[in-house]
C-alpha atoms as a PDB file:
ATOM      1  CA  MET A   1     -20.476 -18.102 -27.066  1.00  0.00           C
ATOM      2  CA  GLU A   2     -21.357 -20.346 -23.850  1.00  0.00           C
ATOM      3  CA  THR A   3     -23.832 -19.738 -21.295  1.00  0.00           C
ATOM      4  CA  THR A   4     -22.622 -19.110 -18.024  1.00  0.00           C
ATOM      5  CA  ASP A   5     -23.919 -22.360 -16.979  1.00  0.00           C
ATOM      6  CA  GLN A   6     -21.540 -24.385 -19.534  1.00  0.00           C
ATOM      7  CA  LEU A   7     -18.710 -22.261 -18.522  1.00  0.00           C
ATOM      8  CA  LEU A   8     -19.633 -23.206 -14.923  1.00  0.00           C
ATOM      9  CA  ARG A   9     -19.861 -26.886 -15.640  1.00  0.00           C
ATOM     10  CA  THR A  10     -16.330 -26.373 -17.994  1.00  0.00           C
ATOM     11  CA  ALA A  11     -14.705 -24.875 -14.815  1.00  0.00           C
ATOM     12  CA  VAL A  12     -16.277 -27.463 -12.258  1.00  0.00           C
ATOM     13  CA  ASN A  13     -14.850 -30.226 -14.405  1.00  0.00           C
ATOM     14  CA  ALA A  14     -11.488 -28.716 -15.752  1.00  0.00           C
ATOM     15  CA  ALA A  15     -10.903 -28.694 -11.807  1.00  0.00           C
ATOM     16  CA  THR A  16     -11.306 -31.633 -10.020  1.00  0.00           C
ATOM     17  CA  ALA A  17      -9.629 -33.017 -13.108  1.00  0.00           C
ATOM     18  CA  ALA A  18      -6.681 -31.428 -12.289  1.00  0.00           C
ATOM     19  CA  GLY A  19      -7.408 -32.580  -9.234  1.00  0.00           C
ATOM     20  CA  ARG A  20      -7.148 -35.818  -9.751  1.00  0.00           C
ATOM     21  CA  ALA A  21      -4.026 -35.056 -11.531  1.00  0.00           C
ATOM     22  CA  ILE A  22      -2.637 -33.502  -8.353  1.00  0.00           C
ATOM     23  CA  MET A  23      -3.571 -36.266  -5.806  1.00  0.00           C
ATOM     24  CA  GLU A  24      -1.893 -39.177  -7.854  1.00  0.00           C
ATOM     25  CA  VAL A  25       1.855 -37.336  -7.440  1.00  0.00           C
ATOM     26  CA  TYR A  26       0.335 -36.315  -3.807  1.00  0.00           C
ATOM     27  CA  GLU A  27      -0.647 -39.810  -2.895  1.00  0.00           C
ATOM     28  CA  ASP A  28       2.839 -41.283  -4.619  1.00  0.00           C
ATOM     29  CA  PRO A  29       4.176 -43.913  -2.007  1.00  0.00           C
ATOM     30  CA  ALA A  30       7.351 -42.422  -3.195  1.00  0.00           C
ATOM     31  CA  GLN A  31       6.714 -38.820  -2.409  1.00  0.00           C
ATOM     32  CA  ASP A  32       8.455 -37.603  -5.516  1.00  0.00           C
ATOM     33  CA  PHE A  33       6.833 -34.439  -5.797  1.00  0.00           C
ATOM     34  CA  GLY A  34       9.519 -33.129  -8.376  1.00  0.00           C
ATOM     35  CA  ILE A  35      10.131 -29.851  -6.586  1.00  0.00           C
ATOM     36  CA  GLU A  36      12.040 -27.484  -7.746  1.00  0.00           C
ATOM     37  CA  LEU A  37      12.390 -23.233  -7.373  1.00  0.00           C
ATOM     38  CA  LYS A  38      11.032 -20.994  -9.798  1.00  0.00           C
ATOM     39  CA  ALA A  39      13.094 -17.252  -9.857  1.00  0.00           C
ATOM     40  CA  ASP A  40      10.860 -15.974  -7.124  1.00  0.00           C
ATOM     41  CA  ASN A  41      11.927 -18.881  -4.626  1.00  0.00           C
ATOM     42  CA  SER A  42       8.809 -19.994  -4.415  1.00  0.00           C
ATOM     43  CA  PRO A  43       8.348 -24.261  -4.989  1.00  0.00           C
ATOM     44  CA  LEU A  44       7.306 -26.114  -8.249  1.00  0.00           C
ATOM     45  CA  THR A  45       5.906 -29.147  -8.461  1.00  0.00           C
ATOM     46  CA  ARG A  46       5.211 -32.295 -10.688  1.00  0.00           C
ATOM     47  CA  ALA A  47       2.025 -31.594  -9.626  1.00  0.00           C
ATOM     48  CA  ASP A  48       1.702 -27.835 -10.257  1.00  0.00           C
ATOM     49  CA  ARG A  49       2.529 -28.655 -14.238  1.00  0.00           C
ATOM     50  CA  ARG A  50       0.031 -31.806 -14.583  1.00  0.00           C
ATOM     51  CA  ALA A  51      -2.910 -29.736 -13.228  1.00  0.00           C
ATOM     52  CA  ASP A  52      -1.424 -26.729 -15.334  1.00  0.00           C
ATOM     53  CA  SER A  53      -1.868 -29.461 -18.566  1.00  0.00           C
ATOM     54  CA  VAL A  54      -4.766 -30.601 -17.672  1.00  0.00           C
ATOM     55  CA  ILE A  55      -6.707 -27.485 -17.338  1.00  0.00           C
ATOM     56  CA  ALA A  56      -5.322 -26.369 -20.332  1.00  0.00           C
ATOM     57  CA  ALA A  57      -6.938 -28.998 -22.621  1.00  0.00           C
ATOM     58  CA  ALA A  58      -9.980 -28.870 -20.569  1.00  0.00           C
ATOM     59  CA  LEU A  59     -10.563 -24.785 -21.034  1.00  0.00           C
ATOM     60  CA  ALA A  60      -8.979 -24.788 -24.625  1.00  0.00           C
ATOM     61  CA  PRO A  61     -12.159 -25.563 -26.315  1.00  0.00           C
ATOM     62  CA  THR A  62     -13.990 -22.480 -24.815  1.00  0.00           C
ATOM     63  CA  GLY A  63     -11.552 -20.295 -27.273  1.00  0.00           C
ATOM     64  CA  ILE A  64     -11.205 -17.843 -23.966  1.00  0.00           C
ATOM     65  CA  GLY A  65      -6.978 -16.815 -23.428  1.00  0.00           C
ATOM     66  CA  ILE A  66      -5.922 -18.597 -20.094  1.00  0.00           C
ATOM     67  CA  LEU A  67      -3.805 -16.275 -17.611  1.00  0.00           C
ATOM     68  CA  SER A  68      -2.354 -19.103 -15.660  1.00  0.00           C
ATOM     69  CA  GLU A  69       0.725 -19.061 -13.233  1.00  0.00           C
ATOM     70  CA  GLU A  70       2.348 -21.654 -14.594  1.00  0.00           C
ATOM     71  CA  SER A  71       2.649 -20.894 -18.364  1.00  0.00           C
ATOM     72  CA  ALA A  72       3.981 -18.531 -20.316  1.00  0.00           C
ATOM     73  CA  HIS A  73       1.626 -15.044 -19.982  1.00  0.00           C
ATOM     74  CA  ALA A  74       0.681 -12.821 -22.796  1.00  0.00           C
ATOM     75  CA  PRO A  75       2.266  -9.664 -23.158  1.00  0.00           C
ATOM     76  CA  TYR A  76       0.078  -7.122 -21.631  1.00  0.00           C
ATOM     77  CA  ASP A  77      -0.674  -5.528 -25.278  1.00  0.00           C
ATOM     78  CA  GLU A  78      -2.329  -8.747 -26.316  1.00  0.00           C
ATOM     79  CA  ARG A  79      -3.870  -9.006 -23.348  1.00  0.00           C
ATOM     80  CA  ARG A  80      -5.578  -5.882 -23.063  1.00  0.00           C
ATOM     81  CA  GLU A  81      -7.716  -7.162 -26.063  1.00  0.00           C
ATOM     82  CA  TRP A  82      -9.250  -9.783 -23.781  1.00  0.00           C
ATOM     83  CA  ARG A  83     -12.871  -8.887 -23.086  1.00  0.00           C
ATOM     84  CA  ARG A  84     -12.847 -12.454 -21.151  1.00  0.00           C
ATOM     85  CA  LEU A  85     -10.268 -14.413 -20.053  1.00  0.00           C
ATOM     86  CA  TRP A  86      -9.332 -17.027 -17.565  1.00  0.00           C
ATOM     87  CA  ILE A  87      -7.038 -16.684 -14.411  1.00  0.00           C
ATOM     88  CA  VAL A  88      -5.589 -20.039 -12.931  1.00  0.00           C
ATOM     89  CA  ASP A  89      -3.635 -21.096 -10.430  1.00  0.00           C
ATOM     90  CA  PRO A  90      -3.421 -24.714 -11.015  1.00  0.00           C
ATOM     91  CA  LEU A  91      -2.460 -25.580  -7.912  1.00  0.00           C
ATOM     92  CA  ASP A  92      -2.881 -22.761  -4.731  1.00  0.00           C
ATOM     93  CA  GLY A  93      -0.948 -23.552  -1.507  1.00  0.00           C
ATOM     94  CA  THR A  94       2.050 -25.352  -3.327  1.00  0.00           C
ATOM     95  CA  LYS A  95       3.833 -25.371   0.272  1.00  0.00           C
ATOM     96  CA  GLU A  96       0.466 -26.742   1.963  1.00  0.00           C
ATOM     97  CA  PHE A  97       0.722 -29.651  -0.525  1.00  0.00           C
ATOM     98  CA  ILE A  98       4.596 -30.405   0.346  1.00  0.00           C
ATOM     99  CA  LYS A  99       4.032 -30.052   3.830  1.00  0.00           C
ATOM    100  CA  ARG A 100       0.847 -32.347   3.144  1.00  0.00           C
ATOM    101  CA  ASN A 101      -0.983 -30.940   4.785  1.00  0.00           C
ATOM    102  CA  GLY A 102      -4.041 -30.871   2.995  1.00  0.00           C
ATOM    103  CA  ASP A 103      -4.358 -27.460   2.403  1.00  0.00           C
ATOM    104  CA  PHE A 104      -4.078 -27.308  -1.161  1.00  0.00           C
ATOM    105  CA  THR A 105      -6.300 -25.923  -4.311  1.00  0.00           C
ATOM    106  CA  VAL A 106      -7.501 -25.485  -7.512  1.00  0.00           C
ATOM    107  CA  ASN A 107      -8.294 -21.828  -8.638  1.00  0.00           C
ATOM    108  CA  ILE A 108     -10.264 -21.199 -11.963  1.00  0.00           C
ATOM    109  CA  ALA A 109     -11.780 -18.003 -12.453  1.00  0.00           C
ATOM    110  CA  LEU A 110     -13.758 -16.241 -15.710  1.00  0.00           C
ATOM    111  CA  ALA A 111     -12.694 -12.607 -15.480  1.00  0.00           C
ATOM    112  CA  GLU A 112     -14.516  -9.954 -17.514  1.00  0.00           C
ATOM    113  CA  ALA A 113     -14.376  -5.997 -18.220  1.00  0.00           C
ATOM    114  CA  GLY A 114     -11.483  -6.673 -15.209  1.00  0.00           C
ATOM    115  CA  SER A 115     -13.597  -8.259 -12.687  1.00  0.00           C
ATOM    116  CA  PRO A 116     -14.301 -12.280 -11.466  1.00  0.00           C
ATOM    117  CA  ALA A 117     -17.644 -12.943 -12.816  1.00  0.00           C
ATOM    118  CA  LEU A 118     -17.182 -16.847 -12.121  1.00  0.00           C
ATOM    119  CA  GLY A 119     -15.469 -19.511 -10.047  1.00  0.00           C
ATOM    120  CA  VAL A 120     -14.199 -22.125  -8.502  1.00  0.00           C
ATOM    121  CA  VAL A 121     -11.926 -23.407  -6.258  1.00  0.00           C
ATOM    122  CA  TYR A 122     -11.113 -27.312  -5.303  1.00  0.00           C
ATOM    123  CA  ALA A 123      -9.724 -29.092  -2.604  1.00  0.00           C
ATOM    124  CA  PRO A 124      -8.787 -32.087  -3.579  1.00  0.00           C
ATOM    125  CA  ALA A 125      -7.459 -33.516  -0.797  1.00  0.00           C
ATOM    126  CA  THR A 126     -10.478 -32.675   1.450  1.00  0.00           C
ATOM    127  CA  ARG A 127     -12.744 -32.740  -1.518  1.00  0.00           C
ATOM    128  CA  GLU A 128     -14.776 -29.428  -1.121  1.00  0.00           C
ATOM    129  CA  LEU A 129     -15.522 -27.883  -3.805  1.00  0.00           C
ATOM    130  CA  TYR A 130     -16.574 -24.044  -4.073  1.00  0.00           C
ATOM    131  CA  TRP A 131     -18.549 -22.274  -6.666  1.00  0.00           C
ATOM    132  CA  GLY A 132     -20.114 -18.870  -7.382  1.00  0.00           C
ATOM    133  CA  ALA A 133     -20.803 -17.306 -10.328  1.00  0.00           C
ATOM    134  CA  ARG A 134     -22.085 -13.729 -10.696  1.00  0.00           C
ATOM    135  CA  GLY A 135     -26.219 -13.432 -11.134  1.00  0.00           C
ATOM    136  CA  ILE A 136     -26.542 -16.844  -9.710  1.00  0.00           C
ATOM    137  CA  GLY A 137     -25.333 -17.284  -6.516  1.00  0.00           C
ATOM    138  CA  ALA A 138     -22.627 -19.688  -4.797  1.00  0.00           C
ATOM    139  CA  GLY A 139     -22.585 -22.931  -3.643  1.00  0.00           C
ATOM    140  CA  LYS A 140     -20.723 -25.754  -1.487  1.00  0.00           C
ATOM    141  CA  ILE A 141     -20.347 -29.230  -2.576  1.00  0.00           C
ATOM    142  CA  CYS A 142     -18.959 -31.743   0.283  1.00  0.00           C
ATOM    143  CA  ASP A 143     -16.872 -35.175  -1.030  1.00  0.00           C
ATOM    144  CA  VAL A 144     -16.305 -34.438  -4.344  1.00  0.00           C
ATOM    145  CA  GLU A 145     -13.775 -37.371  -5.325  1.00  0.00           C
ATOM    146  CA  PRO A 146     -10.957 -36.183  -7.848  1.00  0.00           C
ATOM    147  CA  GLY A 147     -11.665 -36.586 -11.284  1.00  0.00           C
ATOM    148  CA  ARG A 148     -15.553 -36.404 -11.170  1.00  0.00           C
ATOM    149  CA  SER A 149     -17.065 -34.950 -14.106  1.00  0.00           C
ATOM    150  CA  PHE A 150     -20.950 -33.471 -13.646  1.00  0.00           C
ATOM    151  CA  ALA A 151     -23.200 -33.205 -16.630  1.00  0.00           C
ATOM    152  CA  SER A 152     -24.609 -29.727 -16.341  1.00  0.00           C
ATOM    153  CA  ALA A 153     -24.338 -26.899 -14.113  1.00  0.00           C
ATOM    154  CA  ALA A 154     -27.823 -27.851 -12.882  1.00  0.00           C
ATOM    155  CA  GLU A 155     -26.414 -30.986 -11.211  1.00  0.00           C
ATOM    156  CA  VAL A 156     -23.609 -28.673  -9.944  1.00  0.00           C
ATOM    157  CA  ARG A 157     -26.297 -26.320  -8.176  1.00  0.00           C
ATOM    158  CA  ARG A 158     -28.636 -29.350  -7.142  1.00  0.00           C
ATOM    159  CA  GLU A 159     -25.601 -31.219  -5.280  1.00  0.00           C
ATOM    160  CA  SER A 160     -24.642 -27.660  -3.185  1.00  0.00           C
ATOM    161  CA  ALA A 161     -25.020 -26.149  -0.489  1.00  0.00           C
ATOM    162  CA  ALA A 162     -26.109 -22.251  -0.695  1.00  0.00           C
ATOM    163  CA  LEU A 163     -23.419 -20.115   0.901  1.00  0.00           C
ATOM    164  CA  PRO A 164     -23.050 -18.449   3.264  1.00  0.00           C
ATOM    165  CA  CYS A 165     -24.232 -21.558   4.837  1.00  0.00           C
ATOM    166  CA  ALA A 166     -22.409 -21.831   8.235  1.00  0.00           C
ATOM    167  CA  ALA A 167     -24.720 -21.746  11.763  1.00  0.00           C
ATOM    168  CA  GLY A 168     -23.956 -18.893  13.699  1.00  0.00           C
ATOM    169  CA  GLY A 169     -23.134 -18.468  16.903  1.00  0.00           C
ATOM    170  CA  ARG A 170     -19.834 -18.286  17.146  1.00  0.00           C
ATOM    171  CA  PRO A 171     -17.589 -15.802  17.860  1.00  0.00           C
ATOM    172  CA  PHE A 172     -15.963 -12.965  15.872  1.00  0.00           C
ATOM    173  CA  THR A 173     -13.604 -15.202  13.850  1.00  0.00           C
ATOM    174  CA  VAL A 174     -10.597 -13.885  11.421  1.00  0.00           C
ATOM    175  CA  VAL A 175      -8.546 -16.040   8.771  1.00  0.00           C
ATOM    176  CA  ALA A 176      -5.526 -15.343   8.035  1.00  0.00           C
ATOM    177  CA  SER A 177      -2.563 -17.476   6.321  1.00  0.00           C
ATOM    178  CA  ARG A 178      -0.790 -20.483   7.066  1.00  0.00           C
ATOM    179  CA  SER A 179       2.362 -19.785   5.855  1.00  0.00           C
ATOM    180  CA  HIS A 180       2.481 -16.008   5.074  1.00  0.00           C
ATOM    181  CA  LEU A 181       1.486 -14.101   8.282  1.00  0.00           C
ATOM    182  CA  SER A 182       2.823 -10.471   7.835  1.00  0.00           C
ATOM    183  CA  ALA A 183       3.743  -7.990  10.918  1.00  0.00           C
ATOM    184  CA  GLU A 184       1.184  -5.906   9.202  1.00  0.00           C
ATOM    185  CA  THR A 185      -1.800  -8.530   8.773  1.00  0.00           C
ATOM    186  CA  GLN A 186      -1.196  -9.589  12.312  1.00  0.00           C
ATOM    187  CA  ALA A 187      -1.188  -5.812  13.571  1.00  0.00           C
ATOM    188  CA  CYS A 188      -4.568  -5.961  11.527  1.00  0.00           C
ATOM    189  CA  ILE A 189      -5.922  -8.905  13.905  1.00  0.00           C
ATOM    190  CA  ASP A 190      -4.816  -6.831  17.278  1.00  0.00           C
ATOM    191  CA  SER A 191      -6.696  -3.797  16.148  1.00  0.00           C
ATOM    192  CA  LEU A 192      -9.584  -6.205  15.382  1.00  0.00           C
ATOM    193  CA  ARG A 193      -9.503  -7.740  18.546  1.00  0.00           C
ATOM    194  CA  ARG A 194      -9.940  -4.647  20.472  1.00  0.00           C
ATOM    195  CA  GLU A 195     -13.278  -4.260  18.719  1.00  0.00           C
ATOM    196  CA  HIS A 196     -13.826  -7.745  19.606  1.00  0.00           C
ATOM    197  CA  PRO A 197     -12.798  -8.763  22.605  1.00  0.00           C
ATOM    198  CA  GLY A 198     -13.929 -12.193  22.392  1.00  0.00           C
ATOM    199  CA  LEU A 199     -12.234 -12.328  18.693  1.00  0.00           C
ATOM    200  CA  ALA A 200     -11.173 -15.878  17.232  1.00  0.00           C
ATOM    201  CA  THR A 201      -8.422 -16.397  14.623  1.00  0.00           C
ATOM    202  CA  ALA A 202      -8.214 -19.548  12.070  1.00  0.00           C
ATOM    203  CA  ALA A 203      -5.384 -20.199   9.890  1.00  0.00           C
ATOM    204  CA  ARG A 204      -5.406 -21.900   6.275  1.00  0.00           C
ATOM    205  CA  GLY A 205      -3.579 -22.083   3.232  1.00  0.00           C
ATOM    206  CA  SER A 206      -4.445 -21.365  -0.285  1.00  0.00           C
ATOM    207  CA  SER A 207      -8.192 -19.735  -1.142  1.00  0.00           C
ATOM    208  CA  LEU A 208      -9.628 -21.931   1.069  1.00  0.00           C
ATOM    209  CA  LYS A 209      -9.657 -18.378   3.333  1.00  0.00           C
ATOM    210  CA  LEU A 210     -11.521 -16.622   1.102  1.00  0.00           C
ATOM    211  CA  CYS A 211     -13.893 -19.523   0.820  1.00  0.00           C
ATOM    212  CA  MET A 212     -14.374 -19.462   4.548  1.00  0.00           C
ATOM    213  CA  VAL A 213     -15.320 -15.861   5.011  1.00  0.00           C
ATOM    214  CA  ALA A 214     -17.742 -17.165   2.164  1.00  0.00           C
ATOM    215  CA  GLU A 215     -18.935 -19.648   3.956  1.00  0.00           C
ATOM    216  CA  GLY A 216     -20.071 -17.734   6.911  1.00  0.00           C
ATOM    217  CA  LEU A 217     -16.885 -19.382   8.755  1.00  0.00           C
ATOM    218  CA  ALA A 218     -15.230 -16.450   9.329  1.00  0.00           C
ATOM    219  CA  ASP A 219     -15.500 -12.766   9.421  1.00  0.00           C
ATOM    220  CA  VAL A 220     -13.003 -10.696   8.006  1.00  0.00           C
ATOM    221  CA  TYR A 221      -9.976 -12.507   5.676  1.00  0.00           C
ATOM    222  CA  PRO A 222      -6.894  -9.215   5.891  1.00  0.00           C
ATOM    223  CA  ARG A 223      -3.797  -9.990   3.483  1.00  0.00           C
ATOM    224  CA  PHE A 224      -1.411  -7.325   4.131  1.00  0.00           C
ATOM    225  CA  ALA A 225       1.105  -9.855   2.308  1.00  0.00           C
ATOM    226  CA  PRO A 226       1.978  -9.979  -1.674  1.00  0.00           C
ATOM    227  CA  THR A 227      -0.594 -12.375  -3.964  1.00  0.00           C
ATOM    228  CA  MET A 228      -1.115 -12.284  -7.383  1.00  0.00           C
ATOM    229  CA  GLU A 229      -4.287 -12.220  -9.462  1.00  0.00           C
ATOM    230  CA  TRP A 230      -4.182 -16.556  -9.594  1.00  0.00           C
ATOM    231  CA  ASP A 231      -4.719 -16.902  -6.247  1.00  0.00           C
ATOM    232  CA  THR A 232      -7.594 -14.279  -5.828  1.00  0.00           C
ATOM    233  CA  ALA A 233      -9.618 -14.153  -8.756  1.00  0.00           C
ATOM    234  CA  ALA A 234     -11.267 -17.495  -8.154  1.00  0.00           C
ATOM    235  CA  GLY A 235     -12.301 -17.009  -4.394  1.00  0.00           C
ATOM    236  CA  GLN A 236     -12.787 -13.499  -4.977  1.00  0.00           C
ATOM    237  CA  ALA A 237     -15.623 -15.081  -7.571  1.00  0.00           C
ATOM    238  CA  VAL A 238     -16.546 -17.156  -4.965  1.00  0.00           C
ATOM    239  CA  ALA A 239     -16.937 -14.741  -2.218  1.00  0.00           C
ATOM    240  CA  GLU A 240     -18.910 -11.878  -4.199  1.00  0.00           C
ATOM    241  CA  ALA A 241     -20.773 -14.358  -5.186  1.00  0.00           C
ATOM    242  CA  ALA A 242     -21.778 -15.127  -1.376  1.00  0.00           C
ATOM    243  CA  GLY A 243     -22.174 -11.547  -0.625  1.00  0.00           C
ATOM    244  CA  CYS A 244     -18.879 -10.611   0.839  1.00  0.00           C
ATOM    245  CA  ARG A 245     -16.796  -8.129  -0.136  1.00  0.00           C
ATOM    246  CA  VAL A 246     -12.985  -8.673  -1.509  1.00  0.00           C
ATOM    247  CA  ALA A 247     -11.695  -4.702  -1.697  1.00  0.00           C
ATOM    248  CA  SER A 248      -8.268  -2.924  -1.121  1.00  0.00           C
ATOM    249  CA  ALA A 249      -7.116  -2.361   2.425  1.00  0.00           C
ATOM    250  CA  GLY A 250      -5.585   0.863   0.612  1.00  0.00           C
ATOM    251  CA  ASP A 251      -8.871   2.879  -1.390  1.00  0.00           C
ATOM    252  CA  GLY A 252     -11.644   0.046  -0.935  1.00  0.00           C
ATOM    253  CA  ARG A 253     -11.373  -0.600  -4.227  1.00  0.00           C
ATOM    254  CA  ARG A 254     -12.659  -3.868  -5.233  1.00  0.00           C
ATOM    255  CA  LEU A 255      -9.530  -5.851  -6.605  1.00  0.00           C
ATOM    256  CA  ALA A 256      -9.106  -5.684 -10.317  1.00  0.00           C
ATOM    257  CA  TYR A 257      -7.974  -8.359 -12.885  1.00  0.00           C
ATOM    258  CA  ASN A 258      -6.049  -8.794 -15.990  1.00  0.00           C
ATOM    259  CA  LYS A 259      -3.777  -5.749 -14.950  1.00  0.00           C
ATOM    260  CA  PRO A 260      -0.470  -4.837 -16.655  1.00  0.00           C
ATOM    261  CA  ASP A 261       1.171  -5.468 -13.265  1.00  0.00           C
ATOM    262  CA  LEU A 262      -0.160  -8.729 -11.848  1.00  0.00           C
ATOM    263  CA  HIS A 263       0.420  -8.205  -8.273  1.00  0.00           C
ATOM    264  CA  ASN A 264      -2.437  -7.667  -6.188  1.00  0.00           C
ATOM    265  CA  PRO A 265      -3.139  -4.681  -3.868  1.00  0.00           C
ATOM    266  CA  TRP A 266      -2.856  -5.857   0.079  1.00  0.00           C
ATOM    267  CA  PHE A 267      -6.628  -6.834   0.700  1.00  0.00           C
ATOM    268  CA  ILE A 268      -9.456  -7.323   2.896  1.00  0.00           C
ATOM    269  CA  VAL A 269     -11.984 -10.227   2.209  1.00  0.00           C
ATOM    270  CA  SER A 270     -14.948  -9.167   4.734  1.00  0.00           C
ATOM    271  CA  CYS A 271     -18.805 -10.250   5.612  1.00  0.00           C
ATOM    272  CA  GLU A 272     -21.354  -7.279   5.558  1.00  0.00           C
ATOM    273  CA  GLY A 273     -19.964  -4.844   8.710  1.00  0.00           C
ATOM    274  CA  ALA A 274     -17.069  -6.821   9.453  1.00  0.00           C
ATOM    275  CA  ALA A 275     -14.641  -4.609   7.551  1.00  0.00           C
ATOM    276  CA  PRO A 276     -12.079  -2.776   9.093  1.00  0.00           C
ATOM    277  CA  ALA A 277     -10.974   0.712   7.847  1.00  0.00           C
ATOM    278  CA  PRO A 278      -9.041   1.293   5.049  1.00  0.00           C
ATOM    279  CA  THR A 279      -5.499   1.822   5.619  1.00  0.00           C
ATOM    280  CA  GLU A 280      -2.879   4.237   4.582  1.00  0.00           C
ATOM    281  CA  ARG A 281      -0.053   1.513   3.941  1.00  0.00           C
ATOM    282  CA  GLN A 282      -0.901  -0.692   0.520  1.00  0.00           C
ATOM    283  CA  THR A 283       1.632  -2.836  -1.669  1.00  0.00           C
ATOM    284  CA  VAL A 284       1.598  -3.954  -5.479  1.00  0.00           C
END
């Protein structure tokens, strides 16, 4: 069985390789993204499909099952027997990719017994790489070229700034979705503003919102809108390894993975002491 360090290196290199495939489409002079609509009306591009293939090939040698947004899902009767599994979003923030604003990521997480043990979030347009591993910690590397290969997890750690790493002195900050801000999320922000009159807000796409809290750039990320397991698993691994909390807005429990229903409940990501009280309503 591969060690955590070996699996971290594999996940990092898979993410950067997928990032290269994504950027080849993103930087195509013809801007032919090959956009299709899936059954839920969310967009799918050539970049999603290419990144999915790259990641599947990179993770296959581990022998660990893969649950990816863009591949056929094993039935729960089969998945429930998997003690470990990779949870993958090859291109998180496809809408941001199409808008060409850079706020999209590659998400790769390793879940064990229903919780994320390791996660990598790579933003190829901004060249930011976040990682987190249970029992090891979390880090960020800037200016990671798409396609770069790391020789070892030790090299990853050596080049990383430990999370959280942002300087203090900022106002209490809430980060929310750039493209999916629901009325319920806005109500949560308004409630927090009453507690923190100088509250500042930020809008980001994809799992970069979880990473902002992990990095110390934001205090809270409330998400009262639909998400799936592959949207959050890698970011949760990073956030929790950085000492943050990712919990259901309804009952305060950690988000769980490899469920029969792959939808997440509404949730709140927070640094220590910043979380609002759980709400009564939640969706699955």
